[in-house]
PDB file of N, CA and C in Angstrom:
ATOM      1  N   MET A   1      -7.600  -5.797  15.325  1.00  0.00           N
ATOM      2  CA  MET A   1      -8.513  -6.821  15.759  1.00  0.00           C
ATOM      3  C   MET A   1      -9.102  -6.388  17.087  1.00  0.00           C
ATOM      4  N   GLY A   2     -10.407  -6.415  17.175  1.00  0.00           N
ATOM      5  CA  GLY A   2     -11.035  -6.019  18.416  1.00  0.00           C
ATOM      6  C   GLY A   2     -12.430  -6.573  18.530  1.00  0.00           C
ATOM      7  N   MET A   3     -12.952  -6.481  19.690  1.00  0.00           N
ATOM      8  CA  MET A   3     -14.309  -6.966  19.927  1.00  0.00           C
ATOM      9  C   MET A   3     -15.313  -6.016  19.286  1.00  0.00           C
ATOM     10  N   ILE A   4     -16.438  -6.540  18.897  1.00  0.00           N
ATOM     11  CA  ILE A   4     -17.493  -5.734  18.307  1.00  0.00           C
ATOM     12  C   ILE A   4     -18.148  -4.934  19.415  1.00  0.00           C
ATOM     13  N   LYS A   5     -18.207  -3.626  19.240  1.00  0.00           N
ATOM     14  CA  LYS A   5     -18.808  -2.781  20.264  1.00  0.00           C
ATOM     15  C   LYS A   5     -20.189  -2.322  19.833  1.00  0.00           C
ATOM     16  N   ASP A   6     -20.252  -1.421  18.882  1.00  0.00           N
ATOM     17  CA  ASP A   6     -21.525  -0.915  18.397  1.00  0.00           C
ATOM     18  C   ASP A   6     -21.641  -1.181  16.909  1.00  0.00           C
ATOM     19  N   ASP A   7     -22.839  -1.497  16.466  1.00  0.00           N
ATOM     20  CA  ASP A   7     -23.057  -1.731  15.046  1.00  0.00           C
ATOM     21  C   ASP A   7     -23.316  -0.411  14.338  1.00  0.00           C
ATOM     22  N   THR A   8     -22.574  -0.194  13.257  1.00  0.00           N
ATOM     23  CA  THR A   8     -22.821   0.962  12.397  1.00  0.00           C
ATOM     24  C   THR A   8     -23.664   0.483  11.233  1.00  0.00           C
ATOM     25  N   VAL A   9     -23.872   1.333  10.246  1.00  0.00           N
ATOM     26  CA  VAL A   9     -24.651   0.933   9.078  1.00  0.00           C
ATOM     27  C   VAL A   9     -23.986  -0.258   8.398  1.00  0.00           C
ATOM     28  N   ARG A  10     -22.664  -0.195   8.215  1.00  0.00           N
ATOM     29  CA  ARG A  10     -21.939  -1.297   7.588  1.00  0.00           C
ATOM     30  C   ARG A  10     -21.759  -2.476   8.536  1.00  0.00           C
ATOM     31  N   ASN A  11     -21.818  -2.249   9.820  1.00  0.00           N
ATOM     32  CA  ASN A  11     -21.641  -3.314  10.804  1.00  0.00           C
ATOM     33  C   ASN A  11     -22.967  -3.709  11.446  1.00  0.00           C
ATOM     34  N   ALA A  12     -24.017  -3.685  10.677  1.00  0.00           N
ATOM     35  CA  ALA A  12     -25.318  -4.100  11.192  1.00  0.00           C
ATOM     36  C   ALA A  12     -25.264  -5.591  11.535  1.00  0.00           C
ATOM     37  N   THR A  13     -26.274  -6.084  12.193  1.00  0.00           N
ATOM     38  CA  THR A  13     -26.259  -7.494  12.591  1.00  0.00           C
ATOM     39  C   THR A  13     -26.784  -8.412  11.505  1.00  0.00           C
ATOM     40  N   SER A  14     -27.481  -7.912  10.508  1.00  0.00           N
ATOM     41  CA  SER A  14     -28.018  -8.747   9.440  1.00  0.00           C
ATOM     42  C   SER A  14     -27.384  -8.330   8.112  1.00  0.00           C
ATOM     43  N   TYR A  15     -26.844  -9.311   7.384  1.00  0.00           N
ATOM     44  CA  TYR A  15     -26.141  -9.064   6.135  1.00  0.00           C
ATOM     45  C   TYR A  15     -26.685  -9.958   5.031  1.00  0.00           C
ATOM     46  N   TYR A  16     -26.039  -9.916   3.890  1.00  0.00           N
ATOM     47  CA  TYR A  16     -26.412 -10.763   2.757  1.00  0.00           C
ATOM     48  C   TYR A  16     -26.383 -12.236   3.148  1.00  0.00           C
ATOM     49  N   TRP A  17     -25.381 -12.643   3.913  1.00  0.00           N
ATOM     50  CA  TRP A  17     -25.212 -14.043   4.299  1.00  0.00           C
ATOM     51  C   TRP A  17     -25.967 -14.388   5.579  1.00  0.00           C
ATOM     52  N   GLY A  18     -26.708 -13.469   6.126  1.00  0.00           N
ATOM     53  CA  GLY A  18     -27.442 -13.730   7.364  1.00  0.00           C
ATOM     54  C   GLY A  18     -26.821 -12.970   8.518  1.00  0.00           C
ATOM     55  N   GLU A  19     -27.193 -13.340   9.720  1.00  0.00           N
ATOM     56  CA  GLU A  19     -26.674 -12.663  10.905  1.00  0.00           C
ATOM     57  C   GLU A  19     -25.211 -13.001  11.133  1.00  0.00           C
ATOM     58  N   ARG A  20     -24.498 -12.057  11.710  1.00  0.00           N
ATOM     59  CA  ARG A  20     -23.087 -12.257  12.010  1.00  0.00           C
ATOM     60  C   ARG A  20     -22.953 -13.310  13.102  1.00  0.00           C
ATOM     61  N   THR A  21     -22.016 -14.256  12.904  1.00  0.00           N
ATOM     62  CA  THR A  21     -21.759 -15.285  13.899  1.00  0.00           C
ATOM     63  C   THR A  21     -20.369 -15.149  14.506  1.00  0.00           C
ATOM     64  N   SER A  22     -19.540 -14.301  13.937  1.00  0.00           N
ATOM     65  CA  SER A  22     -18.204 -14.081  14.485  1.00  0.00           C
ATOM     66  C   SER A  22     -18.296 -13.127  15.671  1.00  0.00           C
ATOM     67  N   THR A  23     -17.571 -13.439  16.734  1.00  0.00           N
ATOM     68  CA  THR A  23     -17.603 -12.578  17.921  1.00  0.00           C
ATOM     69  C   THR A  23     -16.512 -11.518  17.882  1.00  0.00           C
ATOM     70  N   ILE A  24     -15.638 -11.592  16.891  1.00  0.00           N
ATOM     71  CA  ILE A  24     -14.536 -10.638  16.774  1.00  0.00           C
ATOM     72  C   ILE A  24     -14.625  -9.931  15.437  1.00  0.00           C
ATOM     73  N   ASP A  25     -14.473  -8.625  15.453  1.00  0.00           N
ATOM     74  CA  ASP A  25     -14.419  -7.852  14.220  1.00  0.00           C
ATOM     75  C   ASP A  25     -12.951  -7.760  13.826  1.00  0.00           C
ATOM     76  N   TRP A  26     -12.554  -8.402  12.748  1.00  0.00           N
ATOM     77  CA  TRP A  26     -11.148  -8.508  12.373  1.00  0.00           C
ATOM     78  C   TRP A  26     -10.600  -7.178  11.871  1.00  0.00           C
ATOM     79  N   CYS A  27      -9.617  -7.209  11.054  1.00  0.00           N
ATOM     80  CA  CYS A  27      -8.786  -6.048  10.709  1.00  0.00           C
ATOM     81  C   CYS A  27      -9.466  -4.982   9.858  1.00  0.00           C
ATOM     82  N   GLU A  28     -10.573  -5.266   9.241  1.00  0.00           N
ATOM     83  CA  GLU A  28     -11.171  -4.282   8.355  1.00  0.00           C
ATOM     84  C   GLU A  28     -12.675  -4.176   8.590  1.00  0.00           C
ATOM     85  N   GLU A  29     -13.233  -3.086   8.105  1.00  0.00           N
ATOM     86  CA  GLU A  29     -14.667  -2.847   8.272  1.00  0.00           C
ATOM     87  C   GLU A  29     -15.459  -3.832   7.420  1.00  0.00           C
ATOM     88  N   ASN A  30     -16.541  -4.327   7.955  1.00  0.00           N
ATOM     89  CA  ASN A  30     -17.364  -5.304   7.246  1.00  0.00           C
ATOM     90  C   ASN A  30     -18.133  -4.659   6.099  1.00  0.00           C
ATOM     91  N   TYR A  31     -18.143  -5.343   4.953  1.00  0.00           N
ATOM     92  CA  TYR A  31     -18.901  -4.952   3.767  1.00  0.00           C
ATOM     93  C   TYR A  31     -18.568  -3.537   3.285  1.00  0.00           C
ATOM     94  N   ALA A  32     -17.335  -3.106   3.440  1.00  0.00           N
ATOM     95  CA  ALA A  32     -16.929  -1.766   3.015  1.00  0.00           C
ATOM     96  C   ALA A  32     -16.715  -1.697   1.504  1.00  0.00           C
ATOM     97  N   ILE A  33     -16.276  -2.780   0.876  1.00  0.00           N
ATOM     98  CA  ILE A  33     -15.977  -2.796  -0.554  1.00  0.00           C
ATOM     99  C   ILE A  33     -17.124  -3.421  -1.341  1.00  0.00           C
ATOM    100  N   SER A  34     -17.686  -4.488  -0.845  1.00  0.00           N
ATOM    101  CA  SER A  34     -18.724  -5.238  -1.549  1.00  0.00           C
ATOM    102  C   SER A  34     -19.868  -5.564  -0.595  1.00  0.00           C
ATOM    103  N   ASN A  35     -21.071  -5.607  -1.130  1.00  0.00           N
ATOM    104  CA  ASN A  35     -22.231  -5.977  -0.320  1.00  0.00           C
ATOM    105  C   ASN A  35     -22.310  -7.486  -0.095  1.00  0.00           C
ATOM    106  N   TYR A  36     -21.461  -8.250  -0.792  1.00  0.00           N
ATOM    107  CA  TYR A  36     -21.515  -9.704  -0.727  1.00  0.00           C
ATOM    108  C   TYR A  36     -20.324 -10.334  -0.004  1.00  0.00           C
ATOM    109  N   ILE A  37     -19.268  -9.562   0.228  1.00  0.00           N
ATOM    110  CA  ILE A  37     -18.067 -10.075   0.882  1.00  0.00           C
ATOM    111  C   ILE A  37     -17.818  -9.240   2.134  1.00  0.00           C
ATOM    112  N   ALA A  38     -17.831  -9.893   3.293  1.00  0.00           N
ATOM    113  CA  ALA A  38     -17.716  -9.174   4.563  1.00  0.00           C
ATOM    114  C   ALA A  38     -16.374  -8.467   4.675  1.00  0.00           C
ATOM    115  N   GLU A  39     -15.296  -9.190   4.570  1.00  0.00           N
ATOM    116  CA  GLU A  39     -13.954  -8.600   4.669  1.00  0.00           C
ATOM    117  C   GLU A  39     -13.252  -8.843   3.345  1.00  0.00           C
ATOM    118  N   PHE A  40     -13.377  -7.884   2.460  1.00  0.00           N
ATOM    119  CA  PHE A  40     -12.947  -8.037   1.074  1.00  0.00           C
ATOM    120  C   PHE A  40     -11.461  -8.360   0.952  1.00  0.00           C
ATOM    121  N   TRP A  41     -10.607  -7.576   1.580  1.00  0.00           N
ATOM    122  CA  TRP A  41      -9.162  -7.750   1.401  1.00  0.00           C
ATOM    123  C   TRP A  41      -8.667  -9.029   2.064  1.00  0.00           C
ATOM    124  N   ASN A  42      -9.193  -9.388   3.208  1.00  0.00           N
ATOM    125  CA  ASN A  42      -8.817 -10.659   3.833  1.00  0.00           C
ATOM    126  C   ASN A  42      -9.226 -11.833   2.952  1.00  0.00           C
ATOM    127  N   THR A  43     -10.396 -11.726   2.325  1.00  0.00           N
ATOM    128  CA  THR A  43     -10.863 -12.777   1.424  1.00  0.00           C
ATOM    129  C   THR A  43      -9.989 -12.847   0.180  1.00  0.00           C
ATOM    130  N   LEU A  44      -9.672 -11.685  -0.377  1.00  0.00           N
ATOM    131  CA  LEU A  44      -8.893 -11.642  -1.613  1.00  0.00           C
ATOM    132  C   LEU A  44      -7.485 -12.208  -1.423  1.00  0.00           C
ATOM    133  N   THR A  45      -6.873 -11.962  -0.286  1.00  0.00           N
ATOM    134  CA  THR A  45      -5.519 -12.472  -0.079  1.00  0.00           C
ATOM    135  C   THR A  45      -5.476 -13.994   0.013  1.00  0.00           C
ATOM    136  N   ASN A  46      -6.602 -14.621   0.280  1.00  0.00           N
ATOM    137  CA  ASN A  46      -6.639 -16.083   0.292  1.00  0.00           C
ATOM    138  C   ASN A  46      -6.544 -16.669  -1.106  1.00  0.00           C
ATOM    139  N   VAL A  47      -6.773 -15.859  -2.128  1.00  0.00           N
ATOM    140  CA  VAL A  47      -6.639 -16.333  -3.505  1.00  0.00           C
ATOM    141  C   VAL A  47      -5.197 -16.775  -3.766  1.00  0.00           C
ATOM    142  N   ALA A  48      -4.228 -16.070  -3.200  1.00  0.00           N
ATOM    143  CA  ALA A  48      -2.829 -16.462  -3.364  1.00  0.00           C
ATOM    144  C   ALA A  48      -2.578 -17.836  -2.748  1.00  0.00           C
ATOM    145  N   MET A  49      -3.111 -18.079  -1.558  1.00  0.00           N
ATOM    146  CA  MET A  49      -2.935 -19.371  -0.902  1.00  0.00           C
ATOM    147  C   MET A  49      -3.587 -20.487  -1.725  1.00  0.00           C
ATOM    148  N   ILE A  50      -4.764 -20.227  -2.229  1.00  0.00           N
ATOM    149  CA  ILE A  50      -5.480 -21.226  -3.033  1.00  0.00           C
ATOM    150  C   ILE A  50      -4.725 -21.501  -4.334  1.00  0.00           C
ATOM    151  N   THR A  51      -4.244 -20.446  -4.979  1.00  0.00           N
ATOM    152  CA  THR A  51      -3.502 -20.598  -6.230  1.00  0.00           C
ATOM    153  C   THR A  51      -2.226 -21.408  -6.020  1.00  0.00           C
ATOM    154  N   LEU A  52      -1.461 -21.078  -4.985  1.00  0.00           N
ATOM    155  CA  LEU A  52      -0.227 -21.817  -4.717  1.00  0.00           C
ATOM    156  C   LEU A  52      -0.509 -23.273  -4.357  1.00  0.00           C
ATOM    157  N   ALA A  53      -1.603 -23.523  -3.671  1.00  0.00           N
ATOM    158  CA  ALA A  53      -1.963 -24.901  -3.334  1.00  0.00           C
ATOM    159  C   ALA A  53      -2.302 -25.696  -4.595  1.00  0.00           C
ATOM    160  N   VAL A  54      -3.065 -25.098  -5.488  1.00  0.00           N
ATOM    161  CA  VAL A  54      -3.420 -25.783  -6.738  1.00  0.00           C
ATOM    162  C   VAL A  54      -2.165 -26.046  -7.573  1.00  0.00           C
ATOM    163  N   LEU A  55      -1.278 -25.056  -7.669  1.00  0.00           N
ATOM    164  CA  LEU A  55      -0.015 -25.256  -8.392  1.00  0.00           C
ATOM    165  C   LEU A  55       0.836 -26.330  -7.732  1.00  0.00           C
ATOM    166  N   GLY A  56       0.844 -26.380  -6.412  1.00  0.00           N
ATOM    167  CA  GLY A  56       1.585 -27.407  -5.698  1.00  0.00           C
ATOM    168  C   GLY A  56       1.027 -28.798  -5.952  1.00  0.00           C
ATOM    169  N   ILE A  57      -0.289 -28.922  -5.968  1.00  0.00           N
ATOM    170  CA  ILE A  57      -0.920 -30.214  -6.265  1.00  0.00           C
ATOM    171  C   ILE A  57      -0.539 -30.665  -7.666  1.00  0.00           C
ATOM    172  N   TYR A  58      -0.653 -29.752  -8.608  1.00  0.00           N
ATOM    173  CA  TYR A  58      -0.306 -30.065 -10.000  1.00  0.00           C
ATOM    174  C   TYR A  58       1.154 -30.493 -10.108  1.00  0.00           C
ATOM    175  N   SER A  59       2.048 -29.722  -9.487  1.00  0.00           N
ATOM    176  CA  SER A  59       3.474 -30.011  -9.557  1.00  0.00           C
ATOM    177  C   SER A  59       3.831 -31.326  -8.867  1.00  0.00           C
ATOM    178  N   SER A  60       3.232 -31.581  -7.712  1.00  0.00           N
ATOM    179  CA  SER A  60       3.561 -32.810  -6.989  1.00  0.00           C
ATOM    180  C   SER A  60       3.073 -34.051  -7.739  1.00  0.00           C
ATOM    181  N   ILE A  61       1.964 -33.939  -8.431  1.00  0.00           N
ATOM    182  CA  ILE A  61       1.480 -35.062  -9.233  1.00  0.00           C
ATOM    183  C   ILE A  61       2.348 -35.222 -10.483  1.00  0.00           C
ATOM    184  N   ARG A  62       2.651 -34.107 -11.121  1.00  0.00           N
ATOM    185  CA  ARG A  62       3.442 -34.135 -12.362  1.00  0.00           C
ATOM    186  C   ARG A  62       4.840 -34.697 -12.118  1.00  0.00           C
ATOM    187  N   HIS A  63       5.472 -34.309 -11.015  1.00  0.00           N
ATOM    188  CA  HIS A  63       6.835 -34.736 -10.728  1.00  0.00           C
ATOM    189  C   HIS A  63       6.896 -35.952  -9.801  1.00  0.00           C
ATOM    190  N   ARG A  64       5.739 -36.519  -9.496  1.00  0.00           N
ATOM    191  CA  ARG A  64       5.626 -37.742  -8.699  1.00  0.00           C
ATOM    192  C   ARG A  64       6.357 -37.638  -7.358  1.00  0.00           C
ATOM    193  N   HIS A  65       6.006 -36.608  -6.620  1.00  0.00           N
ATOM    194  CA  HIS A  65       6.627 -36.397  -5.306  1.00  0.00           C
ATOM    195  C   HIS A  65       6.049 -37.300  -4.218  1.00  0.00           C
ATOM    196  N   GLY A  66       4.956 -37.925  -4.491  1.00  0.00           N
ATOM    197  CA  GLY A  66       4.364 -38.828  -3.506  1.00  0.00           C
ATOM    198  C   GLY A  66       3.061 -38.272  -2.940  1.00  0.00           C
ATOM    199  N   LYS A  67       2.329 -39.173  -2.315  1.00  0.00           N
ATOM    200  CA  LYS A  67       1.008 -38.822  -1.797  1.00  0.00           C
ATOM    201  C   LYS A  67       1.075 -37.866  -0.616  1.00  0.00           C
ATOM    202  N   ARG A  68       2.147 -37.962   0.187  1.00  0.00           N
ATOM    203  CA  ARG A  68       2.245 -37.070   1.358  1.00  0.00           C
ATOM    204  C   ARG A  68       2.387 -35.613   0.940  1.00  0.00           C
ATOM    205  N   VAL A  69       3.179 -35.366  -0.084  1.00  0.00           N
ATOM    206  CA  VAL A  69       3.359 -33.989  -0.553  1.00  0.00           C
ATOM    207  C   VAL A  69       2.055 -33.474  -1.158  1.00  0.00           C
ATOM    208  N   THR A  70       1.401 -34.311  -1.944  1.00  0.00           N
ATOM    209  CA  THR A  70       0.111 -33.922  -2.518  1.00  0.00           C
ATOM    210  C   THR A  70      -0.908 -33.664  -1.417  1.00  0.00           C
ATOM    211  N   ALA A  71      -0.931 -34.509  -0.402  1.00  0.00           N
ATOM    212  CA  ALA A  71      -1.861 -34.326   0.718  1.00  0.00           C
ATOM    213  C   ALA A  71      -1.583 -33.021   1.458  1.00  0.00           C
ATOM    214  N   MET A  72      -0.321 -32.648   1.567  1.00  0.00           N
ATOM    215  CA  MET A  72       0.027 -31.379   2.216  1.00  0.00           C
ATOM    216  C   MET A  72      -0.575 -30.200   1.443  1.00  0.00           C
ATOM    217  N   TYR A  73      -0.456 -30.246   0.116  1.00  0.00           N
ATOM    218  CA  TYR A  73      -1.024 -29.168  -0.693  1.00  0.00           C
ATOM    219  C   TYR A  73      -2.549 -29.174  -0.668  1.00  0.00           C
ATOM    220  N   VAL A  74      -3.148 -30.349  -0.577  1.00  0.00           N
ATOM    221  CA  VAL A  74      -4.608 -30.425  -0.435  1.00  0.00           C
ATOM    222  C   VAL A  74      -5.019 -29.790   0.893  1.00  0.00           C
ATOM    223  N   GLY A  75      -4.257 -30.035   1.943  1.00  0.00           N
ATOM    224  CA  GLY A  75      -4.527 -29.394   3.234  1.00  0.00           C
ATOM    225  C   GLY A  75      -4.423 -27.881   3.154  1.00  0.00           C
ATOM    226  N   LEU A  76      -3.389 -27.392   2.468  1.00  0.00           N
ATOM    227  CA  LEU A  76      -3.232 -25.951   2.272  1.00  0.00           C
ATOM    228  C   LEU A  76      -4.411 -25.378   1.485  1.00  0.00           C
ATOM    229  N   LEU A  77      -4.874 -26.130   0.485  1.00  0.00           N
ATOM    230  CA  LEU A  77      -6.033 -25.698  -0.295  1.00  0.00           C
ATOM    231  C   LEU A  77      -7.273 -25.595   0.582  1.00  0.00           C
ATOM    232  N   LEU A  78      -7.481 -26.570   1.444  1.00  0.00           N
ATOM    233  CA  LEU A  78      -8.646 -26.552   2.330  1.00  0.00           C
ATOM    234  C   LEU A  78      -8.588 -25.384   3.311  1.00  0.00           C
ATOM    235  N   VAL A  79      -7.406 -25.086   3.833  1.00  0.00           N
ATOM    236  CA  VAL A  79      -7.253 -23.940   4.734  1.00  0.00           C
ATOM    237  C   VAL A  79      -7.542 -22.645   3.988  1.00  0.00           C
ATOM    238  N   GLY A  80      -7.046 -22.516   2.757  1.00  0.00           N
ATOM    239  CA  GLY A  80      -7.282 -21.311   1.965  1.00  0.00           C
ATOM    240  C   GLY A  80      -8.752 -21.103   1.653  1.00  0.00           C
ATOM    241  N   VAL A  81      -9.416 -22.167   1.235  1.00  0.00           N
ATOM    242  CA  VAL A  81     -10.845 -22.082   0.922  1.00  0.00           C
ATOM    243  C   VAL A  81     -11.657 -21.800   2.186  1.00  0.00           C
ATOM    244  N   GLY A  82     -11.325 -22.482   3.279  1.00  0.00           N
ATOM    245  CA  GLY A  82     -12.027 -22.255   4.543  1.00  0.00           C
ATOM    246  C   GLY A  82     -11.856 -20.847   5.053  1.00  0.00           C
ATOM    247  N   SER A  83     -10.639 -20.330   4.967  1.00  0.00           N
ATOM    248  CA  SER A  83     -10.379 -18.963   5.413  1.00  0.00           C
ATOM    249  C   SER A  83     -11.110 -17.952   4.538  1.00  0.00           C
ATOM    250  N   ALA A  84     -11.111 -18.178   3.235  1.00  0.00           N
ATOM    251  CA  ALA A  84     -11.829 -17.268   2.331  1.00  0.00           C
ATOM    252  C   ALA A  84     -13.323 -17.282   2.641  1.00  0.00           C
ATOM    253  N   CYS A  85     -13.876 -18.457   2.870  1.00  0.00           N
ATOM    254  CA  CYS A  85     -15.311 -18.550   3.211  1.00  0.00           C
ATOM    255  C   CYS A  85     -15.607 -17.844   4.534  1.00  0.00           C
ATOM    256  N   PHE A  86     -14.733 -18.021   5.515  1.00  0.00           N
ATOM    257  CA  PHE A  86     -14.937 -17.375   6.809  1.00  0.00           C
ATOM    258  C   PHE A  86     -14.927 -15.863   6.663  1.00  0.00           C
ATOM    259  N   HIS A  87     -13.900 -15.321   6.018  1.00  0.00           N
ATOM    260  CA  HIS A  87     -13.793 -13.869   5.908  1.00  0.00           C
ATOM    261  C   HIS A  87     -14.844 -13.280   4.966  1.00  0.00           C
ATOM    262  N   ALA A  88     -15.323 -14.075   4.030  1.00  0.00           N
ATOM    263  CA  ALA A  88     -16.353 -13.579   3.114  1.00  0.00           C
ATOM    264  C   ALA A  88     -17.718 -13.483   3.786  1.00  0.00           C
ATOM    265  N   THR A  89     -17.969 -14.389   4.721  1.00  0.00           N
ATOM    266  CA  THR A  89     -19.319 -14.469   5.291  1.00  0.00           C
ATOM    267  C   THR A  89     -19.420 -14.013   6.741  1.00  0.00           C
ATOM    268  N   LEU A  90     -18.356 -14.142   7.514  1.00  0.00           N
ATOM    269  CA  LEU A  90     -18.362 -13.842   8.951  1.00  0.00           C
ATOM    270  C   LEU A  90     -19.626 -14.374   9.597  1.00  0.00           C
TER     271      LEU A  90
END
């Protein structure tokens, strides 16, 4: 993780999703795998969080664990989706 210093071809200021709004260049090079996903691997790992949240929602409703447990999984789902959107678009 480091501050953005110089823009390379892959780290240009204008991308598919528009201009970069993140002030930090995270763990991987932008748009190295896909022209549509800024940080491919960071985005992909959020699929696990989203999947577990959906399974948790299903399980908590099925086993009647209560609204608080379901709300916790909904919160986890929102964090997973938000993180995936952030890393996909920067």
